[in-house]
N, C-alpha and C. Protein backbone atom coordinates (compact mmCIF):
# COMPACT_ATOMS: atom_id res chain seq x y z
N MET A 1 135.10 85.25 250.72
CA MET A 1 136.20 84.83 251.55
C MET A 1 135.81 84.48 252.95
N LEU A 2 134.99 85.23 253.44
CA LEU A 2 134.43 85.15 254.82
C LEU A 2 133.68 83.86 254.94
N LEU A 3 132.78 83.62 253.92
CA LEU A 3 132.16 82.35 253.87
C LEU A 3 133.13 81.17 253.86
N ALA A 4 134.09 81.19 252.97
CA ALA A 4 134.99 80.22 252.66
C ALA A 4 135.68 79.79 253.92
N HIS A 5 136.18 80.87 254.78
CA HIS A 5 136.95 80.68 256.20
C HIS A 5 136.10 80.04 257.06
N LEU A 6 134.88 80.46 257.21
CA LEU A 6 133.78 79.97 258.18
C LEU A 6 133.48 78.46 257.76
N TYR A 7 133.46 78.19 256.69
CA TYR A 7 133.19 76.90 256.10
C TYR A 7 134.22 75.99 256.46
N ASP A 8 135.39 76.42 256.24
CA ASP A 8 136.69 75.45 256.32
C ASP A 8 137.06 75.44 257.96
N TYR A 9 136.59 76.30 258.73
CA TYR A 9 137.00 76.04 260.17
C TYR A 9 135.94 75.98 261.23
N TYR A 10 134.58 75.99 260.83
CA TYR A 10 133.41 75.83 261.63
C TYR A 10 132.40 74.92 260.91
N TYR A 11 132.89 73.97 260.14
CA TYR A 11 131.97 73.16 259.21
C TYR A 11 130.95 72.58 259.85
N ASP A 12 131.24 71.90 260.96
CA ASP A 12 130.60 71.09 261.68
C ASP A 12 129.42 71.62 262.66
N ASN A 13 129.59 73.10 262.78
CA ASN A 13 128.63 73.97 263.69
C ASN A 13 127.85 74.98 263.08
N LEU A 14 128.10 75.06 261.60
CA LEU A 14 127.35 76.14 261.07
C LEU A 14 126.66 75.58 259.66
N THR A 15 125.49 76.14 259.46
CA THR A 15 124.65 75.87 258.10
C THR A 15 124.49 76.98 257.62
N PHE A 16 124.56 77.53 256.19
CA PHE A 16 124.34 78.80 255.79
C PHE A 16 123.28 78.55 254.83
N ILE A 17 122.13 79.43 254.89
CA ILE A 17 120.94 79.23 254.11
C ILE A 17 121.00 80.63 253.29
N ILE A 18 121.22 80.56 251.96
CA ILE A 18 121.39 81.67 251.16
C ILE A 18 120.27 81.65 250.03
N THR A 19 119.51 82.51 249.96
CA THR A 19 118.16 82.38 249.07
C THR A 19 118.26 83.67 248.17
N GLY A 20 117.81 83.60 246.98
CA GLY A 20 117.81 84.81 246.02
C GLY A 20 117.35 83.83 244.72
N SER A 21 117.54 84.83 243.68
CA SER A 21 117.34 84.32 242.13
C SER A 21 118.60 83.83 241.71
N THR A 22 118.53 82.96 240.46
CA THR A 22 119.68 82.53 239.92
C THR A 22 120.64 83.25 239.49
N ILE A 23 120.33 84.67 239.36
CA ILE A 23 121.38 85.60 238.54
C ILE A 23 122.00 86.24 239.64
N GLY A 24 123.02 86.79 239.37
CA GLY A 24 124.05 87.67 240.29
C GLY A 24 124.67 87.02 241.47
N VAL A 25 124.26 87.13 242.74
CA VAL A 25 125.02 86.76 243.85
C VAL A 25 124.84 85.31 243.91
N MET A 26 123.67 84.87 243.67
CA MET A 26 123.40 83.47 243.73
C MET A 26 124.24 82.65 242.87
N LYS A 27 124.38 83.18 241.62
CA LYS A 27 125.33 82.34 240.68
C LYS A 27 126.60 82.28 241.24
N SER A 28 127.11 83.49 241.81
CA SER A 28 128.65 83.43 242.42
C SER A 28 128.52 82.27 243.54
N ILE A 29 127.44 81.88 244.16
CA ILE A 29 127.61 81.33 245.39
C ILE A 29 127.40 79.71 245.09
N THR A 30 126.44 79.46 244.06
CA THR A 30 125.97 78.12 243.84
C THR A 30 126.85 77.57 242.67
N ASP A 31 127.57 78.34 241.91
CA ASP A 31 128.39 77.93 240.84
C ASP A 31 129.63 78.93 240.80
N PRO A 32 130.38 78.78 241.82
CA PRO A 32 131.62 79.42 241.80
C PRO A 32 132.72 79.12 240.74
N GLY A 33 133.54 79.84 240.19
CA GLY A 33 134.51 79.64 239.24
C GLY A 33 135.62 79.40 240.08
N PRO A 34 136.64 78.69 239.26
CA PRO A 34 137.98 78.22 239.92
C PRO A 34 138.63 79.17 240.80
N ASN A 35 138.38 80.47 240.42
CA ASN A 35 139.23 81.61 241.20
C ASN A 35 138.53 81.94 242.47
N SER A 36 137.18 81.20 242.58
CA SER A 36 136.43 81.90 243.84
C SER A 36 136.95 81.21 244.92
N PRO A 37 136.65 81.75 246.32
CA PRO A 37 137.21 81.11 247.40
C PRO A 37 136.24 79.94 247.91
N LEU A 38 134.99 79.95 247.11
CA LEU A 38 134.14 78.87 247.42
C LEU A 38 134.30 77.78 246.57
N TYR A 39 134.99 77.77 245.76
CA TYR A 39 135.33 76.77 244.76
C TYR A 39 135.71 75.45 245.27
N GLY A 40 134.92 74.30 244.88
CA GLY A 40 135.32 73.12 245.57
C GLY A 40 134.48 72.78 246.94
N ARG A 41 133.93 73.83 247.44
CA ARG A 41 133.08 73.52 248.69
C ARG A 41 131.81 72.78 248.51
N ALA A 42 131.28 71.78 249.17
CA ALA A 42 130.17 71.02 249.01
C ALA A 42 128.85 72.16 249.31
N ILE A 43 127.76 71.76 248.48
CA ILE A 43 126.73 72.66 248.62
C ILE A 43 125.46 71.76 248.18
N THR A 44 124.44 72.17 248.75
CA THR A 44 123.19 71.52 248.42
C THR A 44 122.25 72.71 247.88
N LYS A 45 121.61 72.46 246.72
CA LYS A 45 120.66 73.27 246.13
C LYS A 45 119.52 72.78 246.23
N MET A 46 118.57 73.72 246.68
CA MET A 46 117.08 73.25 246.79
C MET A 46 116.22 74.40 246.10
N GLU A 47 115.85 74.02 244.81
CA GLU A 47 114.92 74.87 243.96
C GLU A 47 113.53 74.74 244.49
N ILE A 48 112.91 75.90 244.52
CA ILE A 48 111.46 75.87 245.08
C ILE A 48 110.42 76.29 243.70
N LYS A 49 109.84 75.37 243.26
CA LYS A 49 108.92 75.67 242.23
C LYS A 49 107.65 76.28 242.65
N ARG A 50 106.80 76.76 241.66
CA ARG A 50 105.57 77.32 241.82
C ARG A 50 104.65 76.45 242.66
N TRP A 51 103.79 77.16 243.39
CA TRP A 51 102.78 76.24 244.43
C TRP A 51 101.58 76.10 243.79
N GLN A 52 100.78 75.16 244.01
CA GLN A 52 99.49 75.00 243.50
C GLN A 52 98.69 76.05 244.18
N SER A 53 97.44 76.44 243.50
CA SER A 53 96.52 77.50 243.99
C SER A 53 96.19 77.24 245.55
N SER A 54 95.92 76.16 246.07
CA SER A 54 95.52 75.96 247.23
C SER A 54 96.56 76.38 248.36
N ILE A 55 97.62 75.75 247.96
CA ILE A 55 99.11 76.16 248.72
C ILE A 55 99.26 77.49 248.88
N SER A 56 99.18 78.28 247.57
CA SER A 56 99.48 79.67 247.72
C SER A 56 98.80 80.51 248.63
N ILE A 57 97.47 80.13 248.26
CA ILE A 57 96.43 80.76 249.25
C ILE A 57 96.53 80.47 250.74
N GLY A 58 96.69 79.40 250.96
CA GLY A 58 97.04 78.88 252.33
C GLY A 58 98.14 79.62 253.09
N PHE A 59 99.18 79.91 252.19
CA PHE A 59 100.44 80.54 252.62
C PHE A 59 100.09 82.03 252.77
N LEU A 60 99.28 82.61 251.89
CA LEU A 60 99.15 84.02 252.04
C LEU A 60 98.24 84.22 253.49
N LYS A 61 97.20 83.28 253.49
CA LYS A 61 96.25 83.73 254.60
C LYS A 61 96.96 83.19 255.91
N ALA A 62 97.72 82.36 255.94
CA ALA A 62 98.54 82.02 257.32
C ALA A 62 99.45 83.12 257.63
N GLY A 63 100.18 83.65 256.64
CA GLY A 63 101.19 84.66 256.81
C GLY A 63 100.48 86.22 257.18
N ALA A 64 99.19 86.30 256.75
CA ALA A 64 98.44 87.45 257.20
C ALA A 64 98.05 87.41 258.62
N SER A 65 97.68 86.00 259.00
CA SER A 65 97.10 85.79 260.32
C SER A 65 98.24 86.03 261.21
N GLU A 66 99.50 85.68 260.96
CA GLU A 66 100.60 85.59 261.66
C GLU A 66 101.04 87.15 262.01
N ILE A 67 100.67 87.93 261.26
CA ILE A 67 101.16 89.41 261.59
C ILE A 67 99.83 90.34 261.79
N GLY A 68 98.66 89.58 262.33
CA GLY A 68 97.51 90.12 262.86
C GLY A 68 96.67 90.89 261.78
N LEU A 69 96.80 90.40 260.46
CA LEU A 69 95.85 90.99 259.39
C LEU A 69 94.97 90.03 258.70
N ASN A 70 93.89 90.64 258.36
CA ASN A 70 93.00 89.66 257.84
C ASN A 70 93.12 89.66 256.21
N LEU A 71 93.06 88.54 255.57
CA LEU A 71 93.17 88.41 254.26
C LEU A 71 91.86 87.53 253.62
N ASP A 72 90.93 88.09 252.98
CA ASP A 72 89.80 87.40 252.68
C ASP A 72 89.95 86.37 251.44
N GLU A 73 89.24 85.59 251.18
CA GLU A 73 89.46 84.59 250.23
C GLU A 73 89.50 85.22 248.65
N LYS A 74 88.77 86.23 248.54
CA LYS A 74 88.76 86.68 247.21
C LYS A 74 90.09 87.52 247.04
N THR A 75 90.46 88.15 247.96
CA THR A 75 91.82 88.82 247.83
C THR A 75 92.98 88.03 247.73
N ALA A 76 93.04 87.04 248.37
CA ALA A 76 93.95 85.97 248.47
C ALA A 76 94.00 85.40 246.89
N LEU A 77 92.93 85.10 246.47
CA LEU A 77 92.85 84.31 245.13
C LEU A 77 93.34 85.32 243.98
N GLU A 78 92.87 86.63 244.08
CA GLU A 78 93.46 87.53 243.32
C GLU A 78 94.91 87.86 243.24
N ALA A 79 95.41 87.70 244.33
CA ALA A 79 96.85 87.72 244.62
C ALA A 79 97.70 86.55 243.99
N GLU A 80 97.06 85.39 244.20
CA GLU A 80 97.58 84.13 243.69
C GLU A 80 97.55 83.98 242.22
N GLU A 81 96.38 84.49 241.76
CA GLU A 81 96.28 84.58 239.92
C GLU A 81 97.29 85.39 239.58
N ASN A 82 97.67 86.69 240.13
CA ASN A 82 98.37 87.49 239.61
C ASN A 82 99.89 87.19 239.76
N LEU A 83 100.20 86.41 240.93
CA LEU A 83 101.57 86.24 241.29
C LEU A 83 101.94 84.57 240.92
N ASP A 84 100.70 83.82 240.40
CA ASP A 84 100.86 82.65 239.87
C ASP A 84 101.72 81.55 240.83
N GLY A 85 101.48 81.58 241.97
CA GLY A 85 102.04 80.68 242.92
C GLY A 85 103.60 80.60 243.11
N LEU A 86 104.16 81.73 242.76
CA LEU A 86 105.49 81.75 242.82
C LEU A 86 106.13 82.40 244.15
N PRO A 87 106.74 81.39 244.88
CA PRO A 87 106.92 81.75 246.45
C PRO A 87 107.70 83.24 246.56
N GLY A 88 108.55 83.49 245.82
CA GLY A 88 109.23 84.80 246.04
C GLY A 88 108.13 85.98 245.86
N TRP A 89 107.45 85.87 244.91
CA TRP A 89 106.55 87.11 244.73
C TRP A 89 105.42 87.00 245.74
N LEU A 90 104.98 85.96 246.20
CA LEU A 90 104.02 85.84 247.09
C LEU A 90 104.46 86.45 248.59
N THR A 91 105.78 86.12 248.75
CA THR A 91 106.39 86.61 249.95
C THR A 91 106.62 88.16 250.02
N LEU A 92 106.74 88.65 248.82
CA LEU A 92 106.96 90.02 248.64
C LEU A 92 105.76 90.90 248.76
N PHE A 93 104.57 90.11 248.37
CA PHE A 93 103.32 90.59 248.50
C PHE A 93 102.63 90.62 250.07
N GLY A 94 103.20 89.66 250.75
CA GLY A 94 103.05 89.53 252.12
C GLY A 94 103.64 90.76 252.86
N TYR A 95 104.85 91.13 252.39
CA TYR A 95 105.66 92.08 253.05
C TYR A 95 105.10 93.52 252.89
N ASN A 96 104.87 93.63 251.57
CA ASN A 96 104.01 94.89 251.24
C ASN A 96 102.79 95.07 251.83
N TYR A 97 101.90 94.09 252.15
CA TYR A 97 100.81 94.06 252.77
C TYR A 97 100.96 94.36 254.23
N LEU A 98 101.96 94.05 254.77
CA LEU A 98 102.30 94.38 256.17
C LEU A 98 102.63 95.87 256.50
N LEU A 99 103.28 96.30 255.36
CA LEU A 99 103.53 97.71 255.34
C LEU A 99 102.45 98.60 255.02
N SER A 100 101.63 98.33 254.04
CA SER A 100 100.49 99.23 253.72
C SER A 100 99.16 98.94 254.36
N LYS A 101 99.11 97.72 254.86
CA LYS A 101 97.67 97.28 255.33
C LYS A 101 96.68 97.22 254.35
N ASN A 102 96.99 97.61 253.12
CA ASN A 102 95.99 97.46 252.09
C ASN A 102 96.54 96.62 251.11
N PRO A 103 95.69 95.30 250.83
CA PRO A 103 95.99 94.30 249.83
C PRO A 103 96.01 94.75 248.57
N GLY A 104 95.05 95.69 247.96
CA GLY A 104 95.07 96.21 246.74
C GLY A 104 96.31 96.91 246.41
N LEU A 105 96.72 97.85 247.23
CA LEU A 105 97.91 98.59 247.15
C LEU A 105 99.17 97.63 247.21
N ALA A 106 98.98 96.62 248.05
CA ALA A 106 100.25 95.58 248.28
C ALA A 106 100.46 94.86 246.92
N LEU A 107 99.35 94.59 246.31
CA LEU A 107 99.44 93.75 244.99
C LEU A 107 100.13 94.66 243.91
N GLU A 108 99.57 95.95 243.99
CA GLU A 108 100.01 96.89 243.00
C GLU A 108 101.48 97.12 243.11
N ASP A 109 101.95 97.40 244.52
CA ASP A 109 103.43 97.68 244.94
C ASP A 109 104.26 96.47 244.38
N THR A 110 103.73 95.07 244.69
CA THR A 110 104.32 93.79 244.47
C THR A 110 104.77 93.53 242.92
N VAL A 111 103.69 94.06 242.02
CA VAL A 111 103.87 93.59 240.67
C VAL A 111 104.77 94.74 240.08
N GLY A 112 104.88 96.06 240.63
CA GLY A 112 105.70 97.13 240.29
C GLY A 112 107.22 96.86 240.54
N GLU A 113 107.18 96.31 242.06
CA GLU A 113 108.67 96.01 242.38
C GLU A 113 109.22 94.70 241.56
N ALA A 114 108.39 93.86 241.27
CA ALA A 114 108.72 92.70 240.55
C ALA A 114 109.32 92.93 239.34
N LYS A 115 108.71 93.93 238.62
CA LYS A 115 109.25 94.35 237.15
C LYS A 115 110.47 94.74 237.48
N LYS A 116 110.61 95.59 238.35
CA LYS A 116 112.00 96.20 238.40
C LYS A 116 112.97 95.32 238.63
N ILE A 117 112.76 94.13 239.57
CA ILE A 117 113.65 92.92 239.68
C ILE A 117 113.86 92.29 238.59
N ILE A 118 112.80 91.99 237.71
CA ILE A 118 113.08 91.27 236.49
C ILE A 118 113.88 92.05 235.43
N ALA A 119 113.83 93.52 235.22
CA ALA A 119 114.36 94.25 234.39
C ALA A 119 116.01 94.19 234.82
N GLN A 120 116.30 94.18 236.28
CA GLN A 120 117.59 94.31 236.58
C GLN A 120 118.24 92.74 236.37
N GLU A 121 117.48 91.77 236.69
CA GLU A 121 117.97 90.47 236.20
C GLU A 121 118.40 90.18 234.77
N LEU A 122 117.52 90.79 233.98
CA LEU A 122 117.86 90.89 232.32
C LEU A 122 119.13 91.37 232.27
N LYS A 123 119.31 92.37 232.86
CA LYS A 123 120.76 93.26 232.81
C LYS A 123 121.87 92.49 233.21
N SER A 124 121.61 91.88 234.29
CA SER A 124 122.64 90.97 235.03
C SER A 124 123.00 89.97 233.88
N ILE A 125 121.95 89.17 233.40
CA ILE A 125 122.03 88.22 232.25
C ILE A 125 123.06 88.68 231.14
N ALA A 126 122.95 89.89 230.91
CA ALA A 126 123.56 90.40 229.59
C ALA A 126 125.25 90.48 230.31
N LYS A 127 125.25 91.22 231.40
CA LYS A 127 126.72 91.33 231.90
C LYS A 127 127.38 89.94 232.00
N LEU A 128 126.47 88.63 232.31
CA LEU A 128 127.16 87.54 232.47
C LEU A 128 127.65 86.94 230.90
N GLY A 129 127.03 87.57 230.01
CA GLY A 129 127.35 87.07 228.66
C GLY A 129 126.70 85.73 228.32
N ILE A 130 125.53 85.67 228.77
CA ILE A 130 124.97 84.07 228.35
C ILE A 130 123.93 84.63 227.36
N GLY A 131 124.14 85.51 226.41
CA GLY A 131 123.08 85.52 225.20
C GLY A 131 121.95 86.31 225.68
N SER A 132 121.99 87.46 226.52
CA SER A 132 120.81 88.25 226.76
C SER A 132 119.81 88.65 225.63
N PRO A 133 120.22 89.21 224.54
CA PRO A 133 119.36 89.52 223.40
C PRO A 133 118.68 88.52 222.79
N LYS A 134 119.52 87.33 222.67
CA LYS A 134 118.92 86.12 221.99
C LYS A 134 117.84 85.53 223.06
N LEU A 135 118.08 85.38 224.21
CA LEU A 135 117.13 84.82 225.22
C LEU A 135 115.85 85.79 225.12
N LEU A 136 116.07 87.09 225.03
CA LEU A 136 115.02 88.03 225.00
C LEU A 136 114.14 87.87 223.77
N LYS A 137 114.75 87.50 222.66
CA LYS A 137 114.01 87.27 221.40
C LYS A 137 113.17 86.09 221.45
N VAL A 138 113.69 85.04 222.09
CA VAL A 138 112.80 83.79 222.57
C VAL A 138 111.58 84.11 223.58
N LEU A 139 111.91 85.04 224.31
CA LEU A 139 110.67 85.40 225.56
C LEU A 139 109.72 86.13 224.81
N GLU A 140 110.18 87.09 223.73
CA GLU A 140 109.32 87.91 222.79
C GLU A 140 108.28 86.92 222.19
N VAL A 141 108.83 85.87 221.64
CA VAL A 141 108.11 85.12 220.95
C VAL A 141 107.02 84.36 221.75
N LEU A 142 107.50 83.93 223.01
CA LEU A 142 106.63 83.13 223.77
C LEU A 142 105.58 84.23 224.54
N SER A 143 105.91 85.33 224.38
CA SER A 143 104.98 86.47 225.01
C SER A 143 103.71 86.53 224.39
N LYS A 144 103.74 85.89 222.96
CA LYS A 144 102.52 86.11 222.27
C LYS A 144 101.64 84.97 222.62
N MET A 145 102.03 83.67 222.87
CA MET A 145 101.37 82.60 223.03
C MET A 145 102.40 81.47 223.21
N PRO A 146 101.96 80.27 224.06
CA PRO A 146 102.95 79.09 224.13
C PRO A 146 103.18 78.58 222.92
N ALA A 147 104.41 78.06 222.20
CA ALA A 147 104.83 77.74 221.04
C ALA A 147 105.63 76.56 221.05
N ARG A 148 105.52 75.80 220.05
CA ARG A 148 106.49 74.49 219.93
C ARG A 148 107.69 75.06 219.56
N PHE A 149 108.65 73.85 219.62
CA PHE A 149 110.04 74.18 219.42
C PHE A 149 110.25 74.74 217.99
N GLY A 150 109.65 74.23 217.03
CA GLY A 150 109.80 74.49 215.66
C GLY A 150 108.99 75.88 215.25
N ASP A 151 108.21 76.13 215.97
CA ASP A 151 107.49 77.43 215.66
C ASP A 151 108.45 78.43 216.34
N ILE A 152 109.13 78.30 217.55
CA ILE A 152 109.96 79.22 217.97
C ILE A 152 111.33 79.45 217.00
N SER A 153 111.62 78.32 216.62
CA SER A 153 112.89 78.43 215.45
C SER A 153 112.64 79.07 214.35
N ASP A 154 111.33 79.13 213.95
CA ASP A 154 110.88 79.65 212.70
C ASP A 154 110.90 81.22 213.10
N SER A 155 110.26 81.55 214.08
CA SER A 155 110.29 82.83 214.39
C SER A 155 111.41 83.73 214.69
N THR A 156 112.53 82.89 215.46
CA THR A 156 113.65 83.73 215.65
C THR A 156 114.70 83.48 214.68
N GLY A 157 114.72 82.49 213.90
CA GLY A 157 115.91 82.17 212.94
C GLY A 157 116.95 81.26 213.57
N PHE A 158 116.71 80.86 214.90
CA PHE A 158 117.82 80.16 215.61
C PHE A 158 117.69 78.79 215.16
N ASN A 159 119.04 77.96 215.06
CA ASN A 159 119.09 76.75 214.63
C ASN A 159 118.75 75.75 215.78
N ASN A 160 118.44 74.57 215.62
CA ASN A 160 118.21 73.63 216.48
C ASN A 160 118.99 73.65 217.83
N LYS A 161 120.35 73.63 217.58
CA LYS A 161 121.14 73.44 218.76
C LYS A 161 121.18 74.87 219.48
N SER A 162 121.36 75.86 218.86
CA SER A 162 121.32 77.26 219.72
C SER A 162 119.98 77.30 220.58
N LEU A 163 118.85 77.12 219.83
CA LEU A 163 117.46 77.30 220.35
C LEU A 163 117.50 76.29 221.60
N SER A 164 118.07 75.07 221.63
CA SER A 164 117.97 74.19 222.56
C SER A 164 118.63 74.70 223.78
N LYS A 165 119.86 75.60 223.45
CA LYS A 165 120.81 76.08 224.62
C LYS A 165 119.72 77.07 225.22
N TYR A 166 119.40 77.99 224.40
CA TYR A 166 118.56 79.17 224.88
C TYR A 166 117.32 78.54 225.95
N LEU A 167 116.66 77.83 225.46
CA LEU A 167 115.45 77.24 226.15
C LEU A 167 115.93 76.66 227.50
N SER A 168 116.82 75.63 227.34
CA SER A 168 117.65 75.29 228.71
C SER A 168 118.04 76.35 229.82
N THR A 169 118.58 77.47 229.10
CA THR A 169 119.01 78.53 229.86
C THR A 169 117.86 79.21 230.68
N LEU A 170 116.99 79.32 229.85
CA LEU A 170 115.73 80.01 230.26
C LEU A 170 114.84 79.18 231.32
N ASN A 171 114.76 77.82 231.01
CA ASN A 171 114.28 76.89 231.93
C ASN A 171 115.21 77.18 233.36
N LYS A 172 116.47 76.82 233.35
CA LYS A 172 117.12 77.01 234.48
C LYS A 172 116.82 78.15 235.20
N LEU A 173 116.62 79.29 234.67
CA LEU A 173 116.39 80.51 235.01
C LEU A 173 115.04 80.76 235.78
N GLY A 174 114.22 79.64 235.45
CA GLY A 174 112.71 79.69 236.12
C GLY A 174 111.71 80.57 235.21
N TYR A 175 112.24 80.97 233.82
CA TYR A 175 111.62 81.74 233.09
C TYR A 175 110.46 81.05 232.21
N VAL A 176 111.07 79.95 231.74
CA VAL A 176 110.20 79.24 230.78
C VAL A 176 110.11 77.74 231.01
N GLU A 177 108.96 77.25 230.99
CA GLU A 177 108.76 75.81 231.22
C GLU A 177 107.96 75.19 230.01
N LYS A 178 107.91 73.70 230.00
CA LYS A 178 107.35 73.08 228.77
C LYS A 178 106.07 72.39 229.32
N ASP A 179 105.07 72.48 228.36
CA ASP A 179 103.81 71.85 228.82
C ASP A 179 103.56 70.99 227.51
N GLY A 180 103.64 69.81 227.69
CA GLY A 180 103.59 68.78 226.46
C GLY A 180 104.58 69.05 225.41
N ASN A 181 104.13 69.63 224.31
CA ASN A 181 105.23 70.07 223.23
C ASN A 181 105.38 71.55 223.21
N ARG A 182 104.76 72.28 224.07
CA ARG A 182 104.82 73.63 223.88
C ARG A 182 105.35 74.27 225.15
N TYR A 183 106.34 75.27 224.83
CA TYR A 183 107.02 76.03 225.86
C TYR A 183 106.16 77.59 226.15
N PHE A 184 106.30 77.76 227.34
CA PHE A 184 105.55 78.96 227.57
C PHE A 184 106.29 79.72 228.91
N ILE A 185 105.99 81.09 229.04
CA ILE A 185 106.57 81.76 230.16
C ILE A 185 105.90 81.55 231.20
N SER A 186 106.60 81.03 232.24
CA SER A 186 106.06 80.53 233.59
C SER A 186 105.71 81.71 234.59
N ASP A 187 106.38 82.79 234.35
CA ASP A 187 106.20 83.84 235.51
C ASP A 187 105.46 84.88 235.04
N PRO A 188 104.26 85.08 235.50
CA PRO A 188 103.31 86.04 235.07
C PRO A 188 103.76 87.36 235.16
N ILE A 189 104.68 87.77 235.91
CA ILE A 189 105.11 89.03 235.97
C ILE A 189 106.31 89.56 234.88
N LEU A 190 107.01 88.44 234.49
CA LEU A 190 107.86 88.45 233.61
C LEU A 190 107.11 88.61 232.05
N LEU A 191 105.88 87.68 232.07
CA LEU A 191 105.05 88.03 230.82
C LEU A 191 104.76 89.37 230.56
N GLN A 192 104.13 89.91 231.74
CA GLN A 192 103.65 91.48 231.61
C GLN A 192 104.77 92.25 231.33
N PHE A 193 106.07 92.09 231.64
CA PHE A 193 107.29 92.86 231.66
C PHE A 193 107.59 92.88 230.11
N ILE A 194 107.69 91.57 229.45
CA ILE A 194 108.00 91.36 228.11
C ILE A 194 107.02 92.09 227.27
N LYS A 195 105.78 91.84 227.65
CA LYS A 195 104.51 92.42 226.69
C LYS A 195 104.79 93.97 226.77
N SER A 196 104.88 94.65 227.82
CA SER A 196 105.24 96.05 228.12
C SER A 196 106.21 96.57 227.29
N ARG A 197 107.21 95.84 227.11
CA ARG A 197 108.53 96.08 226.16
C ARG A 197 107.98 96.11 224.78
N LEU A 198 107.27 95.34 224.39
CA LEU A 198 106.88 95.27 223.04
C LEU A 198 105.65 96.19 222.62
N GLY A 199 105.09 96.83 223.83
CA GLY A 199 104.13 97.82 223.62
C GLY A 199 102.73 97.17 223.48
N ARG A 200 102.57 95.99 224.21
CA ARG A 200 101.24 95.17 224.04
C ARG A 200 100.72 95.11 225.51
């Protein structure tokens, strides 16, 4: 309600920048329902995709330099490979590095925290009623290897219409991408999390 009030009365003088994942608070802000005070307000969405390796490494090294820490090429590369150029995880790594001053520990803490965040997001998906168990079933199939649409359908038993909807949802959440005719889990931390659920 406060955001709606400020929007209405100070529109020309204020800009709100709200960041976060697609689930939870961000959904209520970027996709408000008819009963929301924010319903009908203009909004600009900017989705940040994964960065190329060189950009990720440059980002990490520049961030470390800004806080007076050194991050050598090997360590930066290791962090980039484990976090796969996802800006949110890279930023979390930088924050953990600032706190610990130990890049190895920072990476370990980042992966641990990221898994907890993902677990919470999957719970939030279930609360929103957008097919959490069925989405998980698709993710479990893709955790084994990238797969074609038909292969996913065969493994899950979902019909084409339902599977298209689930894959579209996973794509919007930033969990799954398509390379050629194969779908794959695009977040390495999510991939680790799903594999750990399956005991692999």
